Amino acid sequence: MPETVTRADAGGVATITMRSAGLTSLSRRELLDVVREVDADASVRAVVITGTGRAFCVGQDLGQHVEALRGDAATSLSVVEDEYNPLILALAALRVPVVVAINGACAGAGLGIALAGDLRIAAAGAKFTTAFAGIGLSSDSGLASRLVHSVGGSRATELLLLPEPFLAETAATWGLVHRVVEPAQVLPEAQALAARLATGPTAAYRAIKTVLATAATDSLQDTLALEAKLQTELGRTDDHREAVEAFLEKRAPRFTGH
């Protein structure tokens, strides 16, 4: 069993919990393993990712990082390519909706992990920061790309060059988080939202995620072509036919994900 990450399933929702605030080599590997395990599990129809205690995730465990730098700096910095990049790509590629429950402090690569999800619920008063420039590094974990897409190039530049803390309430006004709730309600709210998504048309959700992943950088022509392809595929699904029949019969649709 993983030492630093737990998984709990209920009603088609897999809740992944990071048990330590700082990311160590072990926790990165274990989180990647659990994400891949969840993605391969056909019974999972939505995912919640959260942390424990007063922090969601504050990024790299600097204690471990300093020890690695003192030993072999080149090897210590290869973890971005070897461990962080595969983790962020796996999170972004999850076939089902991902709700991130930000229970507390969210910094550096932790913010990259949060932004790799689809919807974010944050605890009132939770502190955010990009952190990297403060320790003499540029961003990793896809943070530059996610920030540009989420808040625009101008604010992304400010956040990365001037890594000052900001609160969940400010993050919400910028569109970085979707809901701010009392700390005790973060996980219940996230799991309730994930449960709602788990009963929905998961094939359509997967297609929506596919389009959104490239819509900001693709040409209009390319986006139109992708939308047409996916819409044609979805038009053949049981879920689409069920939704149309339910509309005509004035009842709620019963989605199966097929």
Protein backbone atom coordinates (compact mmCIF):
# COMPACT_ATOMS: atom_id res chain seq x y z
CA MET A 1 0.00 0.00 0.00
CA PRO A 2 1.22 3.55 -0.71
CA GLU A 3 2.69 5.35 2.30
CA THR A 4 2.00 8.94 1.26
CA VAL A 5 -1.20 8.73 -0.80
CA THR A 6 -4.56 7.11 -0.06
CA ARG A 7 -7.47 6.21 -2.30
CA ALA A 8 -11.09 5.76 -1.22
CA ASP A 9 -13.95 4.91 -3.60
CA ALA A 10 -17.68 5.51 -3.19
CA GLY A 11 -20.44 5.72 -5.77
CA GLY A 12 -18.11 5.90 -8.75
CA VAL A 13 -15.98 8.64 -7.16
CA ALA A 14 -12.33 7.97 -6.31
CA THR A 15 -10.94 10.32 -3.66
CA ILE A 16 -7.14 10.62 -3.78
CA THR A 17 -5.59 12.15 -0.66
CA MET A 18 -2.01 13.42 -0.38
CA ARG A 19 -0.97 12.76 3.20
CA SER A 20 2.08 15.06 3.31
CA ALA A 21 2.27 18.75 2.43
CA GLY A 22 5.67 18.55 0.72
CA LEU A 23 6.34 16.44 -2.35
CA THR A 24 9.12 13.91 -1.92
CA SER A 25 10.40 11.49 -4.51
CA LEU A 26 8.32 8.78 -2.86
CA SER A 27 5.12 10.82 -2.75
CA ARG A 28 5.47 11.86 -6.40
CA ARG A 29 5.91 8.27 -7.51
CA GLU A 30 3.04 7.04 -5.36
CA LEU A 31 0.71 9.80 -6.52
CA LEU A 32 1.51 8.99 -10.15
CA ASP A 33 0.87 5.28 -9.51
CA VAL A 34 -2.53 5.98 -7.91
CA VAL A 35 -3.56 8.38 -10.70
CA ARG A 36 -2.71 5.77 -13.32
CA GLU A 37 -4.52 3.08 -11.31
CA VAL A 38 -7.65 5.23 -11.11
CA ASP A 39 -7.53 6.06 -14.81
CA ALA A 40 -7.45 2.35 -15.66
CA ASP A 41 -10.40 1.56 -13.39
CA ALA A 42 -13.61 1.55 -15.46
CA SER A 43 -15.74 1.81 -12.32
CA VAL A 44 -14.39 5.31 -11.60
CA ARG A 45 -16.56 8.06 -13.12
CA ALA A 46 -15.13 11.08 -11.29
CA VAL A 47 -12.07 11.89 -9.16
CA VAL A 48 -11.43 14.12 -6.13
CA ILE A 49 -7.88 15.14 -5.23
CA THR A 50 -7.19 16.68 -1.83
CA GLY A 51 -4.62 17.07 0.93
CA THR A 52 -4.67 16.78 4.71
CA GLY A 53 -4.39 19.15 7.63
CA ARG A 54 -3.61 22.79 6.95
CA ALA A 55 -2.06 22.28 3.51
CA PHE A 56 -3.21 20.94 0.17
CA CYS A 57 0.31 20.72 -1.25
CA VAL A 58 3.21 23.17 -0.92
CA GLY A 59 5.32 21.69 -3.70
CA GLN A 60 8.79 20.21 -3.46
CA ASP A 61 10.00 19.07 -0.06
CA LEU A 62 12.91 21.51 0.21
CA GLY A 63 14.68 19.48 2.88
CA GLN A 64 15.00 16.54 0.53
CA HIS A 65 15.86 18.90 -2.34
CA VAL A 66 18.76 20.50 -0.45
CA GLU A 67 20.19 17.08 0.40
CA ALA A 68 20.00 16.11 -3.27
CA LEU A 69 21.66 19.37 -4.37
CA ARG A 70 24.54 18.76 -2.00
CA GLY A 71 24.99 15.30 -3.46
CA ASP A 72 24.46 15.67 -7.22
CA ALA A 73 22.80 18.85 -8.47
CA ALA A 74 22.28 17.57 -12.02
CA THR A 75 20.50 14.44 -10.81
CA SER A 76 18.41 16.37 -8.29
CA LEU A 77 17.06 18.69 -11.00
CA SER A 78 16.24 15.87 -13.41
CA VAL A 79 13.18 15.09 -11.26
CA VAL A 80 11.23 17.77 -13.17
CA GLU A 81 11.48 15.79 -16.38
CA ASP A 82 11.50 12.36 -14.79
CA GLU A 83 8.80 12.73 -12.12
CA TYR A 84 6.86 16.00 -12.23
CA ASN A 85 6.15 16.02 -15.96
CA PRO A 86 4.74 12.46 -16.08
CA LEU A 87 2.56 13.25 -13.04
CA ILE A 88 1.04 16.40 -14.54
CA LEU A 89 0.49 14.69 -17.89
CA ALA A 90 -1.25 11.77 -16.15
CA LEU A 91 -3.51 14.14 -14.20
CA ALA A 92 -4.38 16.10 -17.33
CA ALA A 93 -5.11 12.89 -19.23
CA LEU A 94 -7.57 11.43 -16.68
CA ARG A 95 -10.58 10.36 -18.71
CA VAL A 96 -13.11 11.52 -16.11
CA PRO A 97 -13.80 14.89 -14.46
CA VAL A 98 -11.36 15.83 -11.69
CA VAL A 99 -12.48 18.00 -8.76
CA VAL A 100 -9.65 19.44 -6.66
CA ALA A 101 -10.45 20.06 -2.99
CA ILE A 102 -7.91 22.65 -1.85
CA ASN A 103 -8.10 22.28 1.91
CA GLY A 104 -5.22 24.65 2.74
CA ALA A 105 -1.92 26.12 1.56
CA CYS A 106 -1.25 25.60 -2.14
CA ALA A 107 2.15 26.53 -3.53
CA GLY A 108 4.61 25.82 -6.31
CA ALA A 109 4.09 22.40 -7.84
CA GLY A 110 1.06 22.04 -5.57
CA LEU A 111 -0.57 24.85 -7.53
CA GLY A 112 0.42 23.06 -10.74
CA ILE A 113 -1.33 19.91 -9.49
CA ALA A 114 -4.43 21.89 -8.54
CA LEU A 115 -4.62 23.55 -11.95
CA ALA A 116 -4.26 20.18 -13.68
CA GLY A 117 -7.75 19.32 -12.40
CA ASP A 118 -10.99 20.45 -14.01
CA LEU A 119 -12.85 22.13 -11.13
CA ARG A 120 -11.42 23.56 -7.90
CA ILE A 121 -13.06 24.13 -4.51
CA ALA A 122 -10.93 26.01 -1.97
CA ALA A 123 -11.11 26.63 1.74
CA ALA A 124 -11.84 30.20 2.76
CA GLY A 125 -8.59 31.88 3.71
CA ALA A 126 -6.36 29.27 2.05
CA LYS A 127 -3.09 30.82 0.86
CA PHE A 128 -1.72 30.40 -2.66
CA THR A 129 1.65 31.30 -4.17
CA THR A 130 3.66 30.34 -7.23
CA ALA A 131 6.80 30.26 -5.01
CA PHE A 132 9.38 29.35 -7.68
CA ALA A 133 11.11 32.73 -8.21
CA GLY A 134 11.46 33.04 -4.45
CA ILE A 135 13.86 30.09 -4.44
CA GLY A 136 15.65 31.07 -7.65
CA LEU A 137 13.78 28.77 -10.03
CA SER A 138 11.39 29.13 -12.94
CA SER A 139 8.08 27.30 -12.97
CA ASP A 140 7.48 23.59 -13.43
CA SER A 141 4.44 21.27 -13.30
CA GLY A 142 2.87 23.09 -16.26
CA LEU A 143 2.23 26.14 -14.09
CA ALA A 144 3.17 28.76 -16.71
CA SER A 145 0.83 27.27 -19.29
CA ARG A 146 -2.05 26.80 -16.85
CA LEU A 147 -1.73 30.32 -15.47
CA VAL A 148 -1.68 31.91 -18.92
CA HIS A 149 -4.81 29.98 -19.88
CA SER A 150 -6.55 30.72 -16.57
CA VAL A 151 -5.70 34.35 -15.84
CA GLY A 152 -4.04 35.66 -19.01
CA GLY A 153 -0.44 36.46 -19.83
CA SER A 154 -0.19 39.74 -17.92
CA ARG A 155 -1.34 38.40 -14.55
CA ALA A 156 0.56 35.13 -15.08
CA THR A 157 3.75 37.17 -15.52
CA GLU A 158 3.05 39.08 -12.31
CA LEU A 159 2.31 35.92 -10.34
CA LEU A 160 5.50 34.19 -11.49
CA LEU A 161 7.89 37.16 -11.25
CA LEU A 162 6.43 38.41 -7.95
CA PRO A 163 5.47 35.23 -6.04
CA GLU A 164 3.50 36.99 -3.34
CA PRO A 165 0.83 35.04 -1.44
CA PHE A 166 -2.83 35.54 -2.30
CA LEU A 167 -5.96 34.13 -0.69
CA ALA A 168 -8.58 31.74 -2.02
CA GLU A 169 -11.06 34.60 -2.28
CA THR A 170 -8.73 36.46 -4.65
CA ALA A 171 -8.04 33.26 -6.57
CA ALA A 172 -11.80 32.95 -7.11
CA THR A 173 -12.07 36.47 -8.55
CA TRP A 174 -9.29 35.58 -10.99
CA GLY A 175 -10.95 32.31 -12.02
CA LEU A 176 -8.29 30.05 -10.52
CA VAL A 177 -10.82 28.41 -8.21
CA HIS A 178 -14.53 27.91 -8.84
CA ARG A 179 -15.95 27.89 -5.31
CA VAL A 180 -14.73 29.08 -1.90
CA VAL A 181 -16.32 27.41 1.12
CA GLU A 182 -15.64 27.04 4.83
CA PRO A 183 -12.67 24.72 5.50
CA ALA A 184 -14.79 21.93 6.99
CA GLN A 185 -16.95 21.89 3.86
CA VAL A 186 -14.20 21.65 1.24
CA LEU A 187 -14.03 17.87 0.94
CA PRO A 188 -17.81 17.27 1.32
CA GLU A 189 -18.53 19.92 -1.33
CA ALA A 190 -15.92 18.45 -3.68
CA GLN A 191 -17.22 14.92 -3.21
CA ALA A 192 -20.83 16.05 -3.73
CA LEU A 193 -19.84 17.78 -6.97
CA ALA A 194 -17.87 14.72 -8.09
CA ALA A 195 -20.86 12.48 -7.25
CA ARG A 196 -23.05 14.67 -9.44
CA LEU A 197 -20.55 14.40 -12.29
CA ALA A 198 -20.28 10.63 -11.76
CA THR A 199 -23.96 10.25 -12.67
CA GLY A 200 -23.55 12.32 -15.82
CA PRO A 201 -22.57 11.56 -19.44
CA THR A 202 -18.94 10.64 -18.88
CA ALA A 203 -18.23 10.09 -22.58
CA ALA A 204 -19.37 13.66 -23.24
CA TYR A 205 -17.25 14.92 -20.33
CA ARG A 206 -14.23 13.16 -21.81
CA ALA A 207 -14.86 14.83 -25.18
CA ILE A 208 -15.27 18.24 -23.51
CA LYS A 209 -11.92 17.78 -21.75
CA THR A 210 -10.32 16.84 -25.08
CA VAL A 211 -11.57 19.99 -26.80
CA LEU A 212 -10.66 22.28 -23.91
CA ALA A 213 -7.11 20.90 -23.78
CA THR A 214 -6.27 22.41 -27.16
CA ALA A 215 -8.92 25.08 -27.78
CA ALA A 216 -6.73 27.95 -26.55
CA THR A 217 -3.88 27.15 -28.95
CA ASP A 218 -5.56 25.49 -31.94
CA SER A 219 -6.88 27.45 -34.89
CA LEU A 220 -10.64 27.87 -35.20
CA GLN A 221 -10.57 25.50 -38.16
CA ASP A 222 -8.82 22.80 -36.12
CA THR A 223 -11.22 23.24 -33.19
CA LEU A 224 -14.24 23.02 -35.51
CA ALA A 225 -12.86 19.82 -37.05
CA LEU A 226 -12.23 18.25 -33.63
CA GLU A 227 -15.68 19.26 -32.39
CA ALA A 228 -17.31 17.72 -35.46
CA LYS A 229 -15.38 14.46 -35.01
CA LEU A 230 -16.22 14.15 -31.33
CA GLN A 231 -19.85 15.16 -31.82
CA THR A 232 -20.26 12.48 -34.49
CA GLU A 233 -18.85 9.88 -32.11
CA LEU A 234 -21.04 11.03 -29.22
CA GLY A 235 -24.12 11.04 -31.42
CA ARG A 236 -23.81 7.25 -31.60
CA THR A 237 -23.66 6.72 -27.83
CA ASP A 238 -26.37 5.26 -25.64
CA ASP A 239 -26.13 8.33 -23.42
CA HIS A 240 -27.03 10.71 -26.24
CA ARG A 241 -30.03 8.62 -27.30
CA GLU A 242 -31.14 8.29 -23.67
CA ALA A 243 -30.89 12.05 -23.13
CA VAL A 244 -32.99 12.80 -26.21
CA GLU A 245 -35.62 10.24 -25.24
CA ALA A 246 -35.69 11.58 -21.68
CA PHE A 247 -36.21 15.12 -22.96
CA LEU A 248 -39.15 14.03 -25.11
CA GLU A 249 -40.62 12.04 -22.23
CA LYS A 250 -40.08 14.94 -19.79
CA ARG A 251 -37.98 12.93 -17.33
CA ALA A 252 -34.41 12.99 -16.04
CA PRO A 253 -31.95 11.02 -18.18
CA ARG A 254 -30.20 7.97 -16.79
CA PHE A 255 -26.60 8.03 -18.03
CA THR A 256 -24.38 4.96 -18.13
CA GLY A 257 -21.23 6.38 -19.68
CA HIS A 258 -21.72 4.43 -22.91
